[in-house]
Amino acid sequence: MGFRVVKTAVATLISIQIANIVGLPSPQSAGLLAILGVEVTRKRSLRTISARFFASIVGLLFACALFALFGFHYWVLAVFVLFGFPLIVKTSFKEGIVTSSVVVFRLFAGGVLSFHTVLTQVELLVIGLGSAMVVNMIYMPKGGEQMIEIRHKVDGLFAVIFHHVSRTLRDPTYVWDGGELIEAGKAIQEGTLAANRAMENQMVHPDQAWNIYFYMRKEQLDLILVMMQRIADVYQKLPQADLVAELFEQLSHDVTEEMYTGRTEVLLEALEQDFKKMDLPTTRGEFEIRSSILQLCRELSLYLKIAKKNKSPVFDKKRVEG
């Protein structure tokens, strides 16, 4: 937000100076239009500034027709708002309604309808929005450091979650409030927004690596939430639960590594083979708990497949574990 304020100040100053040099009346109006044109990404800047420019042209032409027919009266402005705004929306330039209003109200304030007055408004529009466009295109923060920081936060939260899962499987009486699940969801959402901003700032060949990473984490978090339902069914301590707890303890270490090591996957495959050799449950309660544990292993396998599939090119093309 702070950087956007700096860009806005620069664009405002440039536009006012240019309008002043050209000799346009009320050069500060160009500064106001520049303020309306500054955006957070390059692609959004192209979209919004284009929409604001063409919306202003449409609104200006419509207002000229109204002023020519009815003159410069306040009720004519109400007519412009009543019919001009829907017209602008219909032409798919609704983002430019405010900008269009600024231009039309300036024309109304002059009280004169002529080619020169209309041209002046167009010139102010070009200078104001053009200055904002130039400033937007010159530099946009890449956000790489921010996303790396968010990634480390998400990985760390996942590690803590898996550690708590391991403790819960070993001791069903262990109490955990699950606060890290909520924090992880918020961090993933924050990272997704940052990744989208970074991609919109890349005009040619946008890199989707960060989007893939945070989408992967979102899928995995959804699976973890399903796992928590299975874990809640493990209300009694069993040897099989202790064995699965070792998998999650291993995963709590692997999840923070940049590469997919496959250690947890190997342990899971071996454990599934061991399960097949074990004696069948002797009671209904044991059957239900072991069934939940087996389902938990299935969901853990899906979790690992997502990690293995999404070989994120971030971090020198290394794969992301966990």
C-alpha atoms as a PDB file:
ATOM      1  CA  MET A   1       0.000   0.000   0.000  1.00  0.00           C
ATOM      2  CA  GLY A   2       2.865   2.368   0.847  1.00  0.00           C
ATOM      3  CA  PHE A   3       4.501   1.795  -2.529  1.00  0.00           C
ATOM      4  CA  ARG A   4       1.229   2.496  -4.295  1.00  0.00           C
ATOM      5  CA  VAL A   5       1.006   5.849  -2.500  1.00  0.00           C
ATOM      6  CA  VAL A   6       4.503   6.719  -3.747  1.00  0.00           C
ATOM      7  CA  LYS A   7       3.543   5.799  -7.313  1.00  0.00           C
ATOM      8  CA  THR A   8       0.389   7.861  -7.028  1.00  0.00           C
ATOM      9  CA  ALA A   9       2.344  10.894  -5.835  1.00  0.00           C
ATOM     10  CA  VAL A  10       4.835  10.557  -8.703  1.00  0.00           C
ATOM     11  CA  ALA A  11       2.110  10.110 -11.326  1.00  0.00           C
ATOM     12  CA  THR A  12       0.191  13.089  -9.937  1.00  0.00           C
ATOM     13  CA  LEU A  13       3.237  15.347 -10.034  1.00  0.00           C
ATOM     14  CA  ILE A  14       4.193  14.279 -13.565  1.00  0.00           C
ATOM     15  CA  SER A  15       0.694  14.784 -14.947  1.00  0.00           C
ATOM     16  CA  ILE A  16       0.290  18.242 -13.375  1.00  0.00           C
ATOM     17  CA  GLN A  17       3.674  19.352 -14.674  1.00  0.00           C
ATOM     18  CA  ILE A  18       2.955  18.125 -18.204  1.00  0.00           C
ATOM     19  CA  ALA A  19      -0.485  19.767 -18.241  1.00  0.00           C
ATOM     20  CA  ASN A  20       1.068  22.988 -16.974  1.00  0.00           C
ATOM     21  CA  ILE A  21       3.804  22.943 -19.628  1.00  0.00           C
ATOM     22  CA  VAL A  22       1.262  22.290 -22.383  1.00  0.00           C
ATOM     23  CA  GLY A  23      -0.730  25.223 -21.085  1.00  0.00           C
ATOM     24  CA  LEU A  24      -3.981  23.476 -20.243  1.00  0.00           C
ATOM     25  CA  PRO A  25      -6.356  25.189 -17.823  1.00  0.00           C
ATOM     26  CA  SER A  26      -6.654  23.657 -14.321  1.00  0.00           C
ATOM     27  CA  PRO A  27      -3.666  21.309 -14.688  1.00  0.00           C
ATOM     28  CA  GLN A  28      -4.503  19.858 -11.270  1.00  0.00           C
ATOM     29  CA  SER A  29      -7.382  18.041 -12.962  1.00  0.00           C
ATOM     30  CA  ALA A  30      -4.803  15.909 -14.767  1.00  0.00           C
ATOM     31  CA  GLY A  31      -3.373  15.053 -11.349  1.00  0.00           C
ATOM     32  CA  LEU A  32      -6.792  13.933 -10.153  1.00  0.00           C
ATOM     33  CA  LEU A  33      -7.168  11.688 -13.193  1.00  0.00           C
ATOM     34  CA  ALA A  34      -3.702  10.263 -12.552  1.00  0.00           C
ATOM     35  CA  ILE A  35      -4.734   9.369  -9.007  1.00  0.00           C
ATOM     36  CA  LEU A  36      -7.671   7.433 -10.403  1.00  0.00           C
ATOM     37  CA  GLY A  37      -5.398   5.588 -12.829  1.00  0.00           C
ATOM     38  CA  VAL A  38      -2.729   4.135 -10.521  1.00  0.00           C
ATOM     39  CA  GLU A  39      -3.158   0.388 -10.004  1.00  0.00           C
ATOM     40  CA  VAL A  40      -1.393  -2.433  -8.157  1.00  0.00           C
ATOM     41  CA  THR A  41      -0.418  -4.576 -11.175  1.00  0.00           C
ATOM     42  CA  ARG A  42       0.583  -3.950 -14.789  1.00  0.00           C
ATOM     43  CA  LYS A  43      -2.160  -6.058 -16.357  1.00  0.00           C
ATOM     44  CA  ARG A  44      -4.817  -4.536 -14.145  1.00  0.00           C
ATOM     45  CA  SER A  45      -3.434  -1.127 -15.040  1.00  0.00           C
ATOM     46  CA  LEU A  46      -3.904  -1.821 -18.744  1.00  0.00           C
ATOM     47  CA  ARG A  47      -7.463  -3.032 -18.193  1.00  0.00           C
ATOM     48  CA  THR A  48      -8.631  -0.297 -15.863  1.00  0.00           C
ATOM     49  CA  ILE A  49      -6.945   2.630 -17.621  1.00  0.00           C
ATOM     50  CA  SER A  50      -8.324   1.482 -20.978  1.00  0.00           C
ATOM     51  CA  ALA A  51     -11.786   1.129 -19.441  1.00  0.00           C
ATOM     52  CA  ARG A  52     -11.557   4.556 -17.793  1.00  0.00           C
ATOM     53  CA  PHE A  53     -10.391   6.236 -20.970  1.00  0.00           C
ATOM     54  CA  PHE A  54     -13.103   4.804 -23.218  1.00  0.00           C
ATOM     55  CA  ALA A  55     -15.767   5.261 -20.532  1.00  0.00           C
ATOM     56  CA  SER A  56     -14.785   8.926 -20.332  1.00  0.00           C
ATOM     57  CA  ILE A  57     -15.063   9.297 -24.103  1.00  0.00           C
ATOM     58  CA  VAL A  58     -18.496   7.659 -24.113  1.00  0.00           C
ATOM     59  CA  GLY A  59     -19.644   9.782 -21.188  1.00  0.00           C
ATOM     60  CA  LEU A  60     -18.217  12.935 -22.733  1.00  0.00           C
ATOM     61  CA  LEU A  61     -20.019  12.382 -26.039  1.00  0.00           C
ATOM     62  CA  PHE A  62     -23.288  11.639 -24.265  1.00  0.00           C
ATOM     63  CA  ALA A  63     -22.911  14.710 -22.038  1.00  0.00           C
ATOM     64  CA  CYS A  64     -22.164  16.902 -25.060  1.00  0.00           C
ATOM     65  CA  ALA A  65     -25.419  15.771 -26.614  1.00  0.00           C
ATOM     66  CA  LEU A  66     -27.313  16.567 -23.408  1.00  0.00           C
ATOM     67  CA  PHE A  67     -25.688  19.990 -22.981  1.00  0.00           C
ATOM     68  CA  ALA A  68     -26.334  20.845 -26.619  1.00  0.00           C
ATOM     69  CA  LEU A  69     -30.024  19.935 -26.305  1.00  0.00           C
ATOM     70  CA  PHE A  70     -30.865  21.216 -22.824  1.00  0.00           C
ATOM     71  CA  GLY A  71     -28.035  23.550 -21.851  1.00  0.00           C
ATOM     72  CA  PHE A  72     -25.936  23.711 -18.704  1.00  0.00           C
ATOM     73  CA  HIS A  73     -28.406  23.092 -15.867  1.00  0.00           C
ATOM     74  CA  TYR A  74     -27.992  21.043 -12.711  1.00  0.00           C
ATOM     75  CA  TRP A  75     -30.901  18.794 -13.601  1.00  0.00           C
ATOM     76  CA  VAL A  76     -29.052  17.866 -16.808  1.00  0.00           C
ATOM     77  CA  LEU A  77     -26.302  16.357 -14.650  1.00  0.00           C
ATOM     78  CA  ALA A  78     -28.940  14.206 -12.968  1.00  0.00           C
ATOM     79  CA  VAL A  79     -30.099  13.074 -16.411  1.00  0.00           C
ATOM     80  CA  PHE A  80     -26.502  12.246 -17.286  1.00  0.00           C
ATOM     81  CA  VAL A  81     -26.160  10.084 -14.169  1.00  0.00           C
ATOM     82  CA  LEU A  82     -29.549   8.457 -14.747  1.00  0.00           C
ATOM     83  CA  PHE A  83     -28.925   7.456 -18.348  1.00  0.00           C
ATOM     84  CA  GLY A  84     -25.184   7.881 -18.835  1.00  0.00           C
ATOM     85  CA  PHE A  85     -24.089   5.427 -16.156  1.00  0.00           C
ATOM     86  CA  PRO A  86     -26.175   2.534 -17.562  1.00  0.00           C
ATOM     87  CA  LEU A  87     -24.840   3.384 -21.021  1.00  0.00           C
ATOM     88  CA  ILE A  88     -21.247   3.165 -19.794  1.00  0.00           C
ATOM     89  CA  VAL A  89     -21.965  -0.137 -18.024  1.00  0.00           C
ATOM     90  CA  LYS A  90     -23.584  -1.498 -21.170  1.00  0.00           C
ATOM     91  CA  THR A  91     -20.448  -0.687 -23.171  1.00  0.00           C
ATOM     92  CA  SER A  92     -18.439  -2.811 -20.655  1.00  0.00           C
ATOM     93  CA  PHE A  93     -16.519   0.169 -19.273  1.00  0.00           C
ATOM     94  CA  LYS A  94     -18.113   0.307 -15.805  1.00  0.00           C
ATOM     95  CA  GLU A  95     -14.697   0.727 -14.130  1.00  0.00           C
ATOM     96  CA  GLY A  96     -14.518   4.161 -15.723  1.00  0.00           C
ATOM     97  CA  ILE A  97     -17.746   5.632 -14.350  1.00  0.00           C
ATOM     98  CA  VAL A  98     -15.955   7.795 -11.768  1.00  0.00           C
ATOM     99  CA  THR A  99     -13.355   9.013 -14.266  1.00  0.00           C
ATOM    100  CA  SER A 100     -16.076   9.788 -16.787  1.00  0.00           C
ATOM    101  CA  SER A 101     -17.968  11.776 -14.155  1.00  0.00           C
ATOM    102  CA  VAL A 102     -14.877  13.866 -13.369  1.00  0.00           C
ATOM    103  CA  VAL A 103     -14.470  14.792 -17.049  1.00  0.00           C
ATOM    104  CA  VAL A 104     -18.160  15.584 -17.587  1.00  0.00           C
ATOM    105  CA  PHE A 105     -18.449  17.663 -14.417  1.00  0.00           C
ATOM    106  CA  ARG A 106     -15.381  19.645 -15.462  1.00  0.00           C
ATOM    107  CA  LEU A 107     -17.001  20.337 -18.830  1.00  0.00           C
ATOM    108  CA  PHE A 108     -20.162  21.429 -17.010  1.00  0.00           C
ATOM    109  CA  ALA A 109     -18.162  23.733 -14.717  1.00  0.00           C
ATOM    110  CA  GLY A 110     -16.793  25.548 -17.790  1.00  0.00           C
ATOM    111  CA  GLY A 111     -20.304  26.288 -19.005  1.00  0.00           C
ATOM    112  CA  VAL A 112     -19.181  26.378 -22.650  1.00  0.00           C
ATOM    113  CA  LEU A 113     -19.647  23.664 -25.252  1.00  0.00           C
ATOM    114  CA  SER A 114     -17.143  23.880 -28.096  1.00  0.00           C
ATOM    115  CA  PHE A 115     -14.581  21.770 -29.878  1.00  0.00           C
ATOM    116  CA  HIS A 116     -11.817  23.447 -27.885  1.00  0.00           C
ATOM    117  CA  THR A 117     -13.381  22.754 -24.466  1.00  0.00           C
ATOM    118  CA  VAL A 118     -14.055  19.127 -25.344  1.00  0.00           C
ATOM    119  CA  LEU A 119     -10.515  18.716 -26.709  1.00  0.00           C
ATOM    120  CA  THR A 120      -9.132  20.168 -23.482  1.00  0.00           C
ATOM    121  CA  GLN A 121     -10.920  17.513 -21.446  1.00  0.00           C
ATOM    122  CA  VAL A 122      -9.567  14.783 -23.723  1.00  0.00           C
ATOM    123  CA  GLU A 123      -6.046  16.179 -23.389  1.00  0.00           C
ATOM    124  CA  LEU A 124      -6.305  16.237 -19.591  1.00  0.00           C
ATOM    125  CA  LEU A 125      -7.605  12.687 -19.739  1.00  0.00           C
ATOM    126  CA  VAL A 126      -4.708  11.492 -21.885  1.00  0.00           C
ATOM    127  CA  ILE A 127      -2.106  13.256 -19.724  1.00  0.00           C
ATOM    128  CA  GLY A 128      -3.572  12.096 -16.399  1.00  0.00           C
ATOM    129  CA  LEU A 129      -4.225   8.468 -17.291  1.00  0.00           C
ATOM    130  CA  GLY A 130      -1.110   8.329 -19.480  1.00  0.00           C
ATOM    131  CA  SER A 131       1.100   9.426 -16.584  1.00  0.00           C
ATOM    132  CA  ALA A 132      -0.464   6.763 -14.374  1.00  0.00           C
ATOM    133  CA  MET A 133       0.125   4.168 -17.085  1.00  0.00           C
ATOM    134  CA  VAL A 134       3.789   5.112 -17.476  1.00  0.00           C
ATOM    135  CA  VAL A 135       4.418   4.983 -13.727  1.00  0.00           C
ATOM    136  CA  ASN A 136       2.631   1.635 -13.467  1.00  0.00           C
ATOM    137  CA  MET A 137       4.661   0.126 -16.297  1.00  0.00           C
ATOM    138  CA  ILE A 138       8.069   1.412 -15.188  1.00  0.00           C
ATOM    139  CA  TYR A 139       8.224  -0.589 -11.994  1.00  0.00           C
ATOM    140  CA  MET A 140       6.118  -3.017 -10.008  1.00  0.00           C
ATOM    141  CA  PRO A 141       7.374  -4.956  -6.978  1.00  0.00           C
ATOM    142  CA  LYS A 142       7.835  -8.634  -7.835  1.00  0.00           C
ATOM    143  CA  GLY A 143       6.812  -9.855  -4.403  1.00  0.00           C
ATOM    144  CA  GLY A 144       9.251 -12.791  -4.500  1.00  0.00           C
ATOM    145  CA  GLU A 145      10.583 -12.225  -0.993  1.00  0.00           C
ATOM    146  CA  GLN A 146       7.066 -11.908   0.382  1.00  0.00           C
ATOM    147  CA  MET A 147       6.001 -15.220  -1.182  1.00  0.00           C
ATOM    148  CA  ILE A 148       9.114 -16.990   0.078  1.00  0.00           C
ATOM    149  CA  GLU A 149       8.300 -15.740   3.565  1.00  0.00           C
ATOM    150  CA  ILE A 150       4.700 -16.942   3.255  1.00  0.00           C
ATOM    151  CA  ARG A 151       5.877 -20.307   1.944  1.00  0.00           C
ATOM    152  CA  HIS A 152       8.129 -20.809   4.966  1.00  0.00           C
ATOM    153  CA  LYS A 153       5.229 -19.864   7.222  1.00  0.00           C
ATOM    154  CA  VAL A 154       2.881 -22.346   5.545  1.00  0.00           C
ATOM    155  CA  ASP A 155       5.486 -25.121   5.620  1.00  0.00           C
ATOM    156  CA  GLY A 156       6.154 -24.434   9.289  1.00  0.00           C
ATOM    157  CA  LEU A 157       2.447 -24.540  10.130  1.00  0.00           C
ATOM    158  CA  PHE A 158       2.050 -27.825   8.258  1.00  0.00           C
ATOM    159  CA  ALA A 159       4.968 -29.248  10.244  1.00  0.00           C
ATOM    160  CA  VAL A 160       3.328 -28.246  13.535  1.00  0.00           C
ATOM    161  CA  ILE A 161      -0.009 -29.709  12.385  1.00  0.00           C
ATOM    162  CA  PHE A 162       1.563 -33.063  11.555  1.00  0.00           C
ATOM    163  CA  HIS A 163       3.390 -33.098  14.893  1.00  0.00           C
ATOM    164  CA  HIS A 164       0.082 -32.597  16.720  1.00  0.00           C
ATOM    165  CA  VAL A 165      -1.515 -35.324  14.592  1.00  0.00           C
ATOM    166  CA  SER A 166       1.280 -37.676  15.578  1.00  0.00           C
ATOM    167  CA  ARG A 167       0.817 -36.905  19.282  1.00  0.00           C
ATOM    168  CA  THR A 168      -2.953 -37.359  19.018  1.00  0.00           C
ATOM    169  CA  LEU A 169      -2.572 -40.794  17.413  1.00  0.00           C
ATOM    170  CA  ARG A 170      -0.174 -41.866  20.148  1.00  0.00           C
ATOM    171  CA  ASP A 171      -2.357 -40.449  22.906  1.00  0.00           C
ATOM    172  CA  PRO A 172      -6.097 -40.112  22.124  1.00  0.00           C
ATOM    173  CA  THR A 173      -6.552 -38.022  25.288  1.00  0.00           C
ATOM    174  CA  TYR A 174      -4.186 -35.340  23.964  1.00  0.00           C
ATOM    175  CA  VAL A 175      -6.010 -32.037  23.469  1.00  0.00           C
ATOM    176  CA  TRP A 176      -5.157 -29.766  20.518  1.00  0.00           C
ATOM    177  CA  ASP A 177      -7.212 -26.711  19.565  1.00  0.00           C
ATOM    178  CA  GLY A 178      -6.317 -26.884  15.855  1.00  0.00           C
ATOM    179  CA  GLY A 179      -5.424 -23.194  15.664  1.00  0.00           C
ATOM    180  CA  GLU A 180      -2.650 -23.902  13.159  1.00  0.00           C
ATOM    181  CA  LEU A 181      -5.226 -25.144  10.652  1.00  0.00           C
ATOM    182  CA  ILE A 182      -6.903 -21.740  10.615  1.00  0.00           C
ATOM    183  CA  GLU A 183      -3.549 -19.938  10.418  1.00  0.00           C
ATOM    184  CA  ALA A 184      -2.448 -22.141   7.531  1.00  0.00           C
ATOM    185  CA  GLY A 185      -5.660 -21.401   5.627  1.00  0.00           C
ATOM    186  CA  LYS A 186      -5.161 -17.662   6.042  1.00  0.00           C
ATOM    187  CA  ALA A 187      -1.495 -17.871   5.014  1.00  0.00           C
ATOM    188  CA  ILE A 188      -2.348 -19.901   1.897  1.00  0.00           C
ATOM    189  CA  GLN A 189      -4.994 -17.360   0.924  1.00  0.00           C
ATOM    190  CA  GLU A 190      -2.511 -14.525   1.451  1.00  0.00           C
ATOM    191  CA  GLY A 191       0.072 -16.350  -0.637  1.00  0.00           C
ATOM    192  CA  THR A 192      -2.433 -16.991  -3.419  1.00  0.00           C
ATOM    193  CA  LEU A 193      -3.276 -13.289  -3.620  1.00  0.00           C
ATOM    194  CA  ALA A 194       0.423 -12.374  -3.674  1.00  0.00           C
ATOM    195  CA  ALA A 195       1.081 -14.956  -6.403  1.00  0.00           C
ATOM    196  CA  ASN A 196      -1.778 -13.587  -8.512  1.00  0.00           C
ATOM    197  CA  ARG A 197      -0.411 -10.048  -8.156  1.00  0.00           C
ATOM    198  CA  ALA A 198       3.055 -11.199  -9.170  1.00  0.00           C
ATOM    199  CA  MET A 199       1.722 -13.006 -12.245  1.00  0.00           C
ATOM    200  CA  GLU A 200      -0.325  -9.968 -13.314  1.00  0.00           C
ATOM    201  CA  ASN A 201       2.858  -7.897 -13.213  1.00  0.00           C
ATOM    202  CA  GLN A 202       4.504 -10.176 -15.791  1.00  0.00           C
ATOM    203  CA  MET A 203       3.380  -9.019 -19.205  1.00  0.00           C
ATOM    204  CA  VAL A 204       5.161 -11.743 -21.212  1.00  0.00           C
ATOM    205  CA  HIS A 205       5.381 -15.443 -20.270  1.00  0.00           C
ATOM    206  CA  PRO A 206       3.997 -15.149 -16.730  1.00  0.00           C
ATOM    207  CA  ASP A 207       5.500 -17.605 -14.251  1.00  0.00           C
ATOM    208  CA  GLN A 208       2.781 -19.677 -12.568  1.00  0.00           C
ATOM    209  CA  ALA A 209       5.109 -21.532 -10.202  1.00  0.00           C
ATOM    210  CA  TRP A 210       3.913 -19.752  -7.085  1.00  0.00           C
ATOM    211  CA  ASN A 211       0.260 -20.167  -8.070  1.00  0.00           C
ATOM    212  CA  ILE A 212       0.849 -23.902  -8.463  1.00  0.00           C
ATOM    213  CA  TYR A 213       2.552 -24.112  -5.081  1.00  0.00           C
ATOM    214  CA  PHE A 214      -0.203 -22.352  -3.140  1.00  0.00           C
ATOM    215  CA  TYR A 215      -2.915 -24.245  -5.038  1.00  0.00           C
ATOM    216  CA  MET A 216      -1.148 -27.470  -4.049  1.00  0.00           C
ATOM    217  CA  ARG A 217      -1.104 -26.387  -0.404  1.00  0.00           C
ATOM    218  CA  LYS A 218      -4.803 -25.518  -0.587  1.00  0.00           C
ATOM    219  CA  GLU A 219      -5.620 -28.998  -1.883  1.00  0.00           C
ATOM    220  CA  GLN A 220      -3.474 -30.561   0.808  1.00  0.00           C
ATOM    221  CA  LEU A 221      -5.037 -28.486   3.569  1.00  0.00           C
ATOM    222  CA  ASP A 222      -8.477 -29.672   2.428  1.00  0.00           C
ATOM    223  CA  LEU A 223      -7.225 -33.249   2.750  1.00  0.00           C
ATOM    224  CA  ILE A 224      -5.808 -32.541   6.206  1.00  0.00           C
ATOM    225  CA  LEU A 225      -9.223 -31.331   7.321  1.00  0.00           C
ATOM    226  CA  VAL A 226     -10.689 -34.632   6.125  1.00  0.00           C
ATOM    227  CA  MET A 227      -7.921 -36.487   7.985  1.00  0.00           C
ATOM    228  CA  MET A 228      -8.892 -34.713  11.191  1.00  0.00           C
ATOM    229  CA  GLN A 229     -12.302 -36.369  10.985  1.00  0.00           C
ATOM    230  CA  ARG A 230     -10.652 -39.785  10.760  1.00  0.00           C
ATOM    231  CA  ILE A 231      -8.330 -39.007  13.645  1.00  0.00           C
ATOM    232  CA  ALA A 232     -11.308 -38.014  15.796  1.00  0.00           C
ATOM    233  CA  ASP A 233     -12.595 -41.584  15.396  1.00  0.00           C
ATOM    234  CA  VAL A 234      -9.395 -43.014  16.885  1.00  0.00           C
ATOM    235  CA  TYR A 235     -10.574 -42.779  20.468  1.00  0.00           C
ATOM    236  CA  GLN A 236      -8.582 -45.752  21.742  1.00  0.00           C
ATOM    237  CA  LYS A 237      -4.846 -46.370  21.755  1.00  0.00           C
ATOM    238  CA  LEU A 238      -3.837 -49.115  19.319  1.00  0.00           C
ATOM    239  CA  PRO A 239      -0.456 -50.340  17.980  1.00  0.00           C
ATOM    240  CA  GLN A 240      -1.586 -49.478  14.447  1.00  0.00           C
ATOM    241  CA  ALA A 241      -2.162 -45.866  15.494  1.00  0.00           C
ATOM    242  CA  ASP A 242       1.380 -45.686  16.883  1.00  0.00           C
ATOM    243  CA  LEU A 243       2.755 -46.899  13.550  1.00  0.00           C
ATOM    244  CA  VAL A 244       0.821 -44.266  11.601  1.00  0.00           C
ATOM    245  CA  ALA A 245       1.941 -41.641  14.114  1.00  0.00           C
ATOM    246  CA  GLU A 246       5.526 -42.332  13.022  1.00  0.00           C
ATOM    247  CA  LEU A 247       4.530 -41.484   9.436  1.00  0.00           C
ATOM    248  CA  PHE A 248       3.164 -38.099  10.451  1.00  0.00           C
ATOM    249  CA  GLU A 249       6.207 -37.414  12.595  1.00  0.00           C
ATOM    250  CA  GLN A 250       8.412 -38.107   9.576  1.00  0.00           C
ATOM    251  CA  LEU A 251       6.181 -35.908   7.421  1.00  0.00           C
ATOM    252  CA  SER A 252       6.491 -33.067   9.921  1.00  0.00           C
ATOM    253  CA  HIS A 253      10.196 -32.990   9.035  1.00  0.00           C
ATOM    254  CA  ASP A 254       9.855 -33.646   5.305  1.00  0.00           C
ATOM    255  CA  VAL A 255       7.270 -30.926   4.732  1.00  0.00           C
ATOM    256  CA  THR A 256       9.776 -28.147   5.385  1.00  0.00           C
ATOM    257  CA  GLU A 257      12.265 -29.437   2.797  1.00  0.00           C
ATOM    258  CA  GLU A 258      12.394 -27.986  -0.707  1.00  0.00           C
ATOM    259  CA  MET A 259      12.624 -31.343  -2.460  1.00  0.00           C
ATOM    260  CA  TYR A 260      10.218 -34.254  -2.482  1.00  0.00           C
ATOM    261  CA  THR A 261      12.296 -36.867  -0.670  1.00  0.00           C
ATOM    262  CA  GLY A 262       9.724 -39.674  -0.804  1.00  0.00           C
ATOM    263  CA  ARG A 263      10.684 -40.906   2.682  1.00  0.00           C
ATOM    264  CA  THR A 264       7.143 -40.753   4.017  1.00  0.00           C
ATOM    265  CA  GLU A 265       5.819 -42.445   0.889  1.00  0.00           C
ATOM    266  CA  VAL A 266       8.224 -45.373   1.295  1.00  0.00           C
ATOM    267  CA  LEU A 267       7.300 -45.776   4.960  1.00  0.00           C
ATOM    268  CA  LEU A 268       3.598 -45.662   4.109  1.00  0.00           C
ATOM    269  CA  GLU A 269       3.914 -48.360   1.452  1.00  0.00           C
ATOM    270  CA  ALA A 270       5.794 -50.610   3.859  1.00  0.00           C
ATOM    271  CA  LEU A 271       3.226 -50.012   6.593  1.00  0.00           C
ATOM    272  CA  GLU A 272       0.341 -50.881   4.284  1.00  0.00           C
ATOM    273  CA  GLN A 273       2.008 -54.206   3.564  1.00  0.00           C
ATOM    274  CA  ASP A 274       2.452 -54.810   7.288  1.00  0.00           C
ATOM    275  CA  PHE A 275      -1.226 -54.076   7.888  1.00  0.00           C
ATOM    276  CA  LYS A 276      -2.169 -56.892   5.505  1.00  0.00           C
ATOM    277  CA  LYS A 277      -0.174 -59.375   7.588  1.00  0.00           C
ATOM    278  CA  MET A 278      -1.748 -58.390  10.911  1.00  0.00           C
ATOM    279  CA  ASP A 279      -4.506 -60.344  12.615  1.00  0.00           C
ATOM    280  CA  LEU A 280      -8.050 -59.208  12.035  1.00  0.00           C
ATOM    281  CA  PRO A 281      -9.832 -57.128  14.715  1.00  0.00           C
ATOM    282  CA  THR A 282     -11.473 -59.142  17.497  1.00  0.00           C
ATOM    283  CA  THR A 283     -14.063 -56.563  18.599  1.00  0.00           C
ATOM    284  CA  ARG A 284     -16.394 -54.166  16.852  1.00  0.00           C
ATOM    285  CA  GLY A 285     -14.725 -51.164  18.494  1.00  0.00           C
ATOM    286  CA  GLU A 286     -11.269 -52.264  17.319  1.00  0.00           C
ATOM    287  CA  PHE A 287     -12.656 -52.860  13.830  1.00  0.00           C
ATOM    288  CA  GLU A 288     -14.071 -49.339  13.644  1.00  0.00           C
ATOM    289  CA  ILE A 289     -10.865 -47.713  14.894  1.00  0.00           C
ATOM    290  CA  ARG A 290      -8.607 -49.725  12.588  1.00  0.00           C
ATOM    291  CA  SER A 291     -10.935 -48.927   9.700  1.00  0.00           C
ATOM    292  CA  SER A 292     -10.532 -45.203  10.445  1.00  0.00           C
ATOM    293  CA  ILE A 293      -6.756 -45.650  10.645  1.00  0.00           C
ATOM    294  CA  LEU A 294      -6.714 -47.429   7.287  1.00  0.00           C
ATOM    295  CA  GLN A 295      -8.799 -44.670   5.726  1.00  0.00           C
ATOM    296  CA  LEU A 296      -6.428 -42.127   7.235  1.00  0.00           C
ATOM    297  CA  CYS A 297      -3.571 -43.885   5.429  1.00  0.00           C
ATOM    298  CA  ARG A 298      -5.487 -43.692   2.154  1.00  0.00           C
ATOM    299  CA  GLU A 299      -5.938 -39.944   2.583  1.00  0.00           C
ATOM    300  CA  LEU A 300      -2.281 -39.546   3.523  1.00  0.00           C
ATOM    301  CA  SER A 301      -1.407 -41.336   0.283  1.00  0.00           C
ATOM    302  CA  LEU A 302      -3.515 -38.836  -1.676  1.00  0.00           C
ATOM    303  CA  TYR A 303      -1.764 -36.001   0.146  1.00  0.00           C
ATOM    304  CA  LEU A 304       1.642 -37.338  -0.897  1.00  0.00           C
ATOM    305  CA  LYS A 305       0.521 -37.862  -4.507  1.00  0.00           C
ATOM    306  CA  ILE A 306      -0.443 -34.196  -4.726  1.00  0.00           C
ATOM    307  CA  ALA A 307       3.025 -33.209  -3.525  1.00  0.00           C
ATOM    308  CA  LYS A 308       4.705 -35.625  -5.921  1.00  0.00           C
ATOM    309  CA  LYS A 309       2.621 -34.472  -8.887  1.00  0.00           C
ATOM    310  CA  ASN A 310       3.165 -30.743  -8.429  1.00  0.00           C
ATOM    311  CA  LYS A 311       6.865 -30.409  -9.089  1.00  0.00           C
ATOM    312  CA  SER A 312       6.948 -26.664  -8.574  1.00  0.00           C
ATOM    313  CA  PRO A 313       9.651 -24.896 -10.636  1.00  0.00           C
ATOM    314  CA  VAL A 314      10.175 -22.441  -7.766  1.00  0.00           C
ATOM    315  CA  PHE A 315      13.532 -22.601  -6.008  1.00  0.00           C
ATOM    316  CA  ASP A 316      15.738 -23.559  -8.963  1.00  0.00           C
ATOM    317  CA  LYS A 317      13.251 -26.078 -10.383  1.00  0.00           C
ATOM    318  CA  LYS A 318      13.368 -28.169  -7.231  1.00  0.00           C
ATOM    319  CA  ARG A 319      10.379 -30.165  -6.169  1.00  0.00           C
ATOM    320  CA  VAL A 320       8.385 -29.275  -3.111  1.00  0.00           C
ATOM    321  CA  GLU A 321       7.940 -31.979  -0.455  1.00  0.00           C
ATOM    322  CA  GLY A 322       4.885 -32.628   1.637  1.00  0.00           C
END
